[in-house]
Protein backbone atom coordinates (compact mmCIF):
# COMPACT_ATOMS: atom_id res chain seq x y z
CA UNK A 1 126.51 -130.75 -110.41
CA UNK A 2 127.06 -134.24 -109.94
CA UNK A 3 122.83 -135.21 -109.38
CA UNK A 4 122.38 -137.72 -111.29
CA UNK A 5 118.65 -135.58 -112.50
CA UNK A 6 121.68 -132.37 -113.14
CA UNK A 7 120.44 -131.99 -116.49
CA UNK A 8 123.32 -131.08 -118.63
CA UNK A 9 122.11 -127.15 -119.41
CA UNK A 10 122.38 -127.02 -115.50
CA UNK A 11 125.49 -127.92 -114.73
CA UNK A 12 127.43 -126.52 -117.79
CA UNK A 13 125.52 -123.35 -115.56
CA UNK A 14 126.18 -124.72 -111.83
CA UNK A 15 130.43 -125.25 -113.04
CA UNK A 16 130.77 -121.77 -114.34
CA UNK A 17 132.76 -120.06 -112.22
CA UNK A 18 132.45 -115.74 -113.35
CA UNK A 19 134.67 -113.51 -112.26
CA UNK A 20 134.22 -109.62 -113.25
CA UNK A 21 137.26 -107.43 -113.50
CA UNK A 22 140.57 -107.60 -114.59
CA UNK A 23 142.80 -106.31 -111.91
CA UNK A 24 145.69 -107.26 -109.33
CA UNK A 25 142.18 -108.59 -107.02
CA UNK A 26 140.70 -110.72 -109.48
CA UNK A 27 143.39 -112.13 -111.71
CA UNK A 28 144.58 -113.38 -108.03
CA UNK A 29 141.08 -115.14 -107.45
CA UNK A 30 140.97 -116.45 -110.57
CA UNK A 31 145.18 -118.16 -110.61
CA UNK A 32 144.04 -119.26 -106.61
CA UNK A 33 140.69 -120.96 -107.39
CA UNK A 34 142.36 -122.22 -110.92
CA UNK A 35 144.83 -123.52 -108.47
CA UNK A 36 141.42 -124.78 -105.94
CA UNK A 37 140.11 -126.34 -108.47
CA UNK A 38 142.36 -128.52 -110.32
CA UNK A 39 145.44 -129.50 -107.55
CA UNK A 40 142.67 -129.77 -104.72
CA UNK A 41 139.00 -130.94 -105.50
CA UNK A 42 139.94 -133.09 -108.28
CA UNK A 43 141.77 -134.86 -105.84
CA UNK A 44 139.32 -134.83 -102.89
CA UNK A 45 135.83 -135.16 -105.53
CA UNK A 46 137.50 -137.36 -108.28
CA UNK A 47 133.29 -137.84 -109.65
CA UNK A 48 132.72 -133.97 -109.79
CA UNK A 49 133.24 -133.22 -113.60
CA UNK A 50 135.73 -130.87 -113.38
CA UNK A 51 136.10 -131.53 -117.16
CA UNK A 52 133.10 -129.35 -117.32
CA UNK A 53 134.58 -126.61 -115.45
CA UNK A 54 134.27 -123.50 -116.47
CA UNK A 55 136.63 -120.09 -114.88
CA UNK A 56 136.16 -116.69 -116.95
CA UNK A 57 137.28 -113.44 -116.30
CA UNK A 58 134.54 -110.18 -117.67
CA UNK A 59 136.94 -106.94 -118.03
CA UNK A 60 135.41 -103.96 -119.51
CA UNK A 61 138.55 -102.81 -120.68
CA UNK A 62 141.48 -103.82 -124.02
CA UNK A 63 143.47 -105.79 -121.04
CA UNK A 64 143.82 -106.94 -118.01
CA UNK A 65 146.64 -105.99 -115.38
CA UNK A 66 146.49 -102.69 -117.24
CA UNK A 67 148.63 -101.17 -114.68
CA UNK A 68 151.78 -104.12 -115.60
CA UNK A 69 154.04 -103.52 -118.31
CA UNK A 70 152.69 -105.38 -121.39
CA UNK A 71 154.80 -107.81 -121.56
CA UNK A 72 153.88 -109.26 -118.53
CA UNK A 73 150.47 -109.24 -118.76
CA UNK A 74 151.33 -111.13 -122.46
CA UNK A 75 152.60 -113.46 -119.30
CA UNK A 76 149.83 -114.01 -116.52
CA UNK A 77 146.96 -114.00 -119.86
CA UNK A 78 149.27 -117.59 -121.09
CA UNK A 79 149.97 -118.89 -117.52
CA UNK A 80 146.30 -117.96 -116.69
CA UNK A 81 145.00 -119.85 -119.82
CA UNK A 82 146.88 -123.13 -119.69
CA UNK A 83 145.41 -122.94 -116.42
CA UNK A 84 141.73 -123.25 -118.26
CA UNK A 85 140.86 -119.28 -116.89
CA UNK A 86 138.72 -117.56 -120.65
CA UNK A 87 139.39 -114.27 -120.45
CA UNK A 88 137.08 -111.70 -121.83
CA UNK A 89 138.60 -108.29 -123.04
CA UNK A 90 136.25 -104.99 -123.65
CA UNK A 91 133.45 -107.35 -122.18
CA UNK A 92 131.54 -104.51 -119.66
CA UNK A 93 128.89 -105.89 -117.46
CA UNK A 94 126.19 -104.11 -117.64
CA UNK A 95 123.45 -106.28 -115.77
CA UNK A 96 123.38 -109.19 -112.78
CA UNK A 97 120.79 -111.72 -111.84
CA UNK A 98 120.86 -114.61 -109.73
CA UNK A 99 121.26 -117.09 -113.16
CA UNK A 100 122.87 -114.48 -115.38
CA UNK A 101 124.90 -111.60 -115.95
CA UNK A 102 124.73 -109.40 -119.39
CA UNK A 103 127.06 -107.57 -121.20
CA UNK A 104 127.01 -104.37 -122.89
CA UNK A 105 126.75 -106.26 -126.52
CA UNK A 106 123.39 -108.12 -125.66
CA UNK A 107 125.54 -111.61 -124.50
CA UNK A 108 124.50 -114.03 -121.43
CA UNK A 109 127.22 -115.51 -119.86
CA UNK A 110 125.38 -117.71 -116.98
CA UNK A 111 126.80 -118.66 -114.25
CA UNK A 112 127.06 -120.79 -111.62
CA UNK A 113 128.94 -118.37 -108.69
CA UNK A 114 129.58 -114.98 -109.62
CA UNK A 115 132.89 -113.30 -107.81
CA UNK A 116 133.20 -108.86 -108.13
CA UNK A 117 136.08 -107.80 -107.57
CA UNK A 118 135.82 -104.09 -110.20
CA UNK A 119 135.43 -100.88 -109.31
CA UNK A 120 132.51 -100.26 -106.67
CA UNK A 121 130.48 -97.63 -106.06
CA UNK A 122 131.51 -94.09 -103.42
CA UNK A 123 130.41 -94.53 -99.74
CA UNK A 124 126.59 -92.71 -98.86
CA UNK A 125 129.41 -90.26 -97.07
CA UNK A 126 130.41 -89.00 -100.74
CA UNK A 127 127.74 -89.13 -102.49
CA UNK A 128 126.30 -86.67 -99.81
CA UNK A 129 129.27 -84.62 -100.31
CA UNK A 130 129.34 -84.78 -104.11
CA UNK A 131 125.57 -83.27 -104.06
CA UNK A 132 126.99 -79.86 -103.62
CA UNK A 133 129.65 -79.95 -106.67
CA UNK A 134 130.52 -76.02 -105.67
CA UNK A 135 132.11 -76.90 -102.15
CA UNK A 136 133.20 -80.36 -103.78
CA UNK A 137 134.44 -80.73 -106.82
CA UNK A 138 134.54 -84.39 -107.90
CA UNK A 139 134.94 -86.24 -110.70
CA UNK A 140 132.40 -87.82 -112.57
CA UNK A 141 133.20 -90.60 -110.22
CA UNK A 142 132.25 -88.77 -107.53
CA UNK A 143 135.85 -89.36 -106.22
CA UNK A 144 136.71 -85.40 -104.72
CA UNK A 145 139.36 -83.23 -106.32
CA UNK A 146 142.22 -82.77 -103.88
CA UNK A 147 145.23 -80.55 -104.11
CA UNK A 148 149.06 -81.17 -102.96
CA UNK A 149 148.50 -81.60 -99.65
CA UNK A 150 145.61 -83.79 -100.10
CA UNK A 151 143.28 -80.76 -99.23
CA UNK A 152 139.87 -81.12 -100.58
CA UNK A 153 139.45 -78.05 -103.39
CA UNK A 154 138.34 -75.03 -102.07
CA UNK A 155 139.10 -76.10 -98.13
CA UNK A 156 141.23 -75.41 -95.69
CA UNK A 157 140.65 -77.60 -92.77
CA UNK A 158 138.93 -81.28 -94.84
CA UNK A 159 140.63 -83.98 -96.08
CA UNK A 160 140.39 -86.91 -98.51
CA UNK A 161 142.28 -90.29 -99.42
CA UNK A 162 142.20 -93.62 -100.82
CA UNK A 163 140.44 -94.30 -103.27
CA UNK A 164 137.21 -91.74 -102.70
CA UNK A 165 139.92 -88.66 -103.77
CA UNK A 166 142.35 -87.84 -106.16
CA UNK A 167 144.94 -84.75 -106.84
CA UNK A 168 144.33 -83.09 -111.13
CA UNK A 169 148.00 -82.90 -110.81
CA UNK A 170 148.97 -85.99 -110.15
CA UNK A 171 146.24 -88.68 -110.36
CA UNK A 172 147.22 -91.83 -108.54
CA UNK A 173 145.63 -94.97 -108.83
CA UNK A 174 143.52 -96.51 -106.10
CA UNK A 175 145.81 -99.10 -104.54
CA UNK A 176 146.34 -100.28 -100.73
CA UNK A 177 149.86 -97.99 -101.13
CA UNK A 178 148.48 -94.68 -102.43
CA UNK A 179 145.94 -94.56 -99.21
CA UNK A 180 148.74 -95.86 -96.81
CA UNK A 181 151.30 -93.54 -97.83
CA UNK A 182 148.36 -90.76 -97.32
CA UNK A 183 147.81 -91.85 -94.41
CA UNK A 184 151.09 -91.95 -93.22
CA UNK A 185 151.94 -88.09 -94.85
CA UNK A 186 148.73 -87.24 -92.67
CA UNK A 187 149.36 -88.46 -89.73
CA UNK A 188 153.04 -86.47 -89.49
CA UNK A 189 151.51 -84.05 -90.50
CA UNK A 190 148.45 -83.71 -87.87
CA UNK A 191 150.78 -84.29 -84.94
CA UNK A 192 152.79 -80.67 -85.71
CA UNK A 193 151.15 -78.32 -83.62
CA UNK A 194 150.03 -76.62 -86.85
CA UNK A 195 148.45 -78.97 -89.65
CA UNK A 196 147.65 -75.93 -91.59
CA UNK A 197 151.77 -73.89 -92.28
CA UNK A 198 153.60 -74.33 -94.76
CA UNK A 199 154.13 -77.85 -94.86
CA UNK A 200 155.98 -79.72 -97.66
CA UNK A 201 153.57 -81.80 -100.33
CA UNK A 202 152.17 -84.89 -100.33
CA UNK A 203 154.83 -87.39 -102.56
CA UNK A 204 153.91 -90.70 -103.59
CA UNK A 205 156.62 -92.85 -103.67
CA UNK A 206 156.53 -95.89 -106.35
CA UNK A 207 156.79 -99.04 -104.66
CA UNK A 208 155.62 -101.67 -107.20
CA UNK A 209 153.37 -103.72 -108.19
CA UNK A 210 152.86 -107.62 -107.61
CA UNK A 211 151.05 -110.10 -108.42
CA UNK A 212 150.00 -114.63 -108.31
CA UNK A 213 149.14 -115.93 -111.05
CA UNK A 214 148.54 -119.51 -110.51
CA UNK A 215 150.75 -122.66 -110.44
CA UNK A 216 153.42 -121.65 -107.90
CA UNK A 217 154.22 -118.12 -110.78
CA UNK A 218 154.05 -114.93 -110.01
CA UNK A 219 155.00 -111.45 -111.83
CA UNK A 220 156.96 -108.50 -110.04
CA UNK A 221 157.31 -104.71 -110.90
CA UNK A 222 159.02 -102.22 -109.95
CA UNK A 223 161.14 -98.94 -111.31
CA UNK A 224 163.71 -101.11 -111.31
CA UNK A 225 163.18 -105.03 -112.29
CA UNK A 226 160.62 -107.09 -114.05
CA UNK A 227 159.69 -110.45 -113.58
CA UNK A 228 157.58 -113.24 -113.33
CA UNK A 229 157.66 -116.60 -113.12
CA UNK A 230 158.82 -118.51 -109.18
CA UNK A 231 161.60 -115.52 -108.32
CA UNK A 232 158.57 -113.09 -108.48
CA UNK A 233 156.20 -115.15 -106.91
CA UNK A 234 158.28 -115.63 -104.10
CA UNK A 235 158.76 -112.26 -103.80
CA UNK A 236 155.49 -112.07 -103.51
CA UNK A 237 155.37 -113.84 -100.79
CA UNK A 238 158.39 -112.46 -98.94
CA UNK A 239 156.75 -108.98 -99.11
CA UNK A 240 153.19 -109.70 -97.94
CA UNK A 241 154.55 -111.82 -94.90
CA UNK A 242 155.91 -109.03 -94.27
CA UNK A 243 153.14 -107.15 -94.38
CA UNK A 244 151.07 -109.17 -91.94
CA UNK A 245 150.72 -107.19 -88.57
CA UNK A 246 151.41 -109.15 -85.94
CA UNK A 247 154.00 -111.64 -85.05
CA UNK A 248 151.08 -114.68 -84.03
CA UNK A 249 149.99 -113.98 -88.46
CA UNK A 250 154.17 -113.82 -89.17
CA UNK A 251 154.35 -116.89 -87.57
CA UNK A 252 150.89 -118.83 -87.63
CA UNK A 253 150.76 -118.07 -92.14
CA UNK A 254 153.69 -119.90 -92.73
CA UNK A 255 153.06 -122.53 -91.24
CA UNK A 256 149.69 -122.95 -93.29
CA UNK A 257 151.25 -122.26 -96.57
CA UNK A 258 153.94 -125.64 -95.63
CA UNK A 259 150.88 -127.82 -94.67
CA UNK A 260 149.22 -126.87 -98.34
CA UNK A 261 152.38 -127.52 -99.94
CA UNK A 262 152.79 -130.59 -99.06
CA UNK A 263 148.97 -132.13 -98.16
CA UNK A 264 147.04 -129.20 -100.09
CA UNK A 265 143.88 -127.50 -99.68
CA UNK A 266 141.73 -128.57 -96.82
CA UNK A 267 138.38 -128.84 -98.26
CA UNK A 268 136.77 -130.99 -95.69
CA UNK A 269 133.02 -129.30 -94.39
CA UNK A 270 131.77 -130.31 -91.13
């Protein structure tokens, strides 16, 4: 984009980052990307026309972060817009080419980098099972219907957890904490001599939601607390640190955070 032979139209396309999706993954990605562009890249490459850089979020539903409380969503929108992120709701993507995305209303948005953070289709195994709707009841999105013991409806020894499954009586979000608790439930049940006995039904314990929204600001929503800002960001970092799997990571990651805070992100290439 900094080459003198680059036309204004081509430069505008190259410097446009499009993120498809409006969930926590997409919003955290936009926040980190905007931090990188306007805090680190501007110092390392002052000749790059960063005033022409655009980061755009395309969300098919009426609002981003739909699982969060509305006041927290409004805080996230304000914070992202201050960082230059453009948020487009009710903008379902119908087609992707190597140079632009096409929306349901026919609008085309050129891009230089496209990041897909929206929903994805089921794996081939689930697709194959869903071809037999009588044996494997499922939703339109090809998510298998399960009972309160995580058994696929109509089966006593076939289980489904995570994004590929949904309960008719208690639909749950497709998040990691749901899949983690379901996996722990099945592990405990399978450790018993008779897993098909009269075990207790699965009960999901909602632990809350967190998201990073840029500039050392975060969102945190639990059954008892709803906060945003610096404290939410610190809580988000603390929870992330406790979830790391090894002591090596728990020691290394804080050092990486401290180095980034003091010296900025490493933008060197070899």
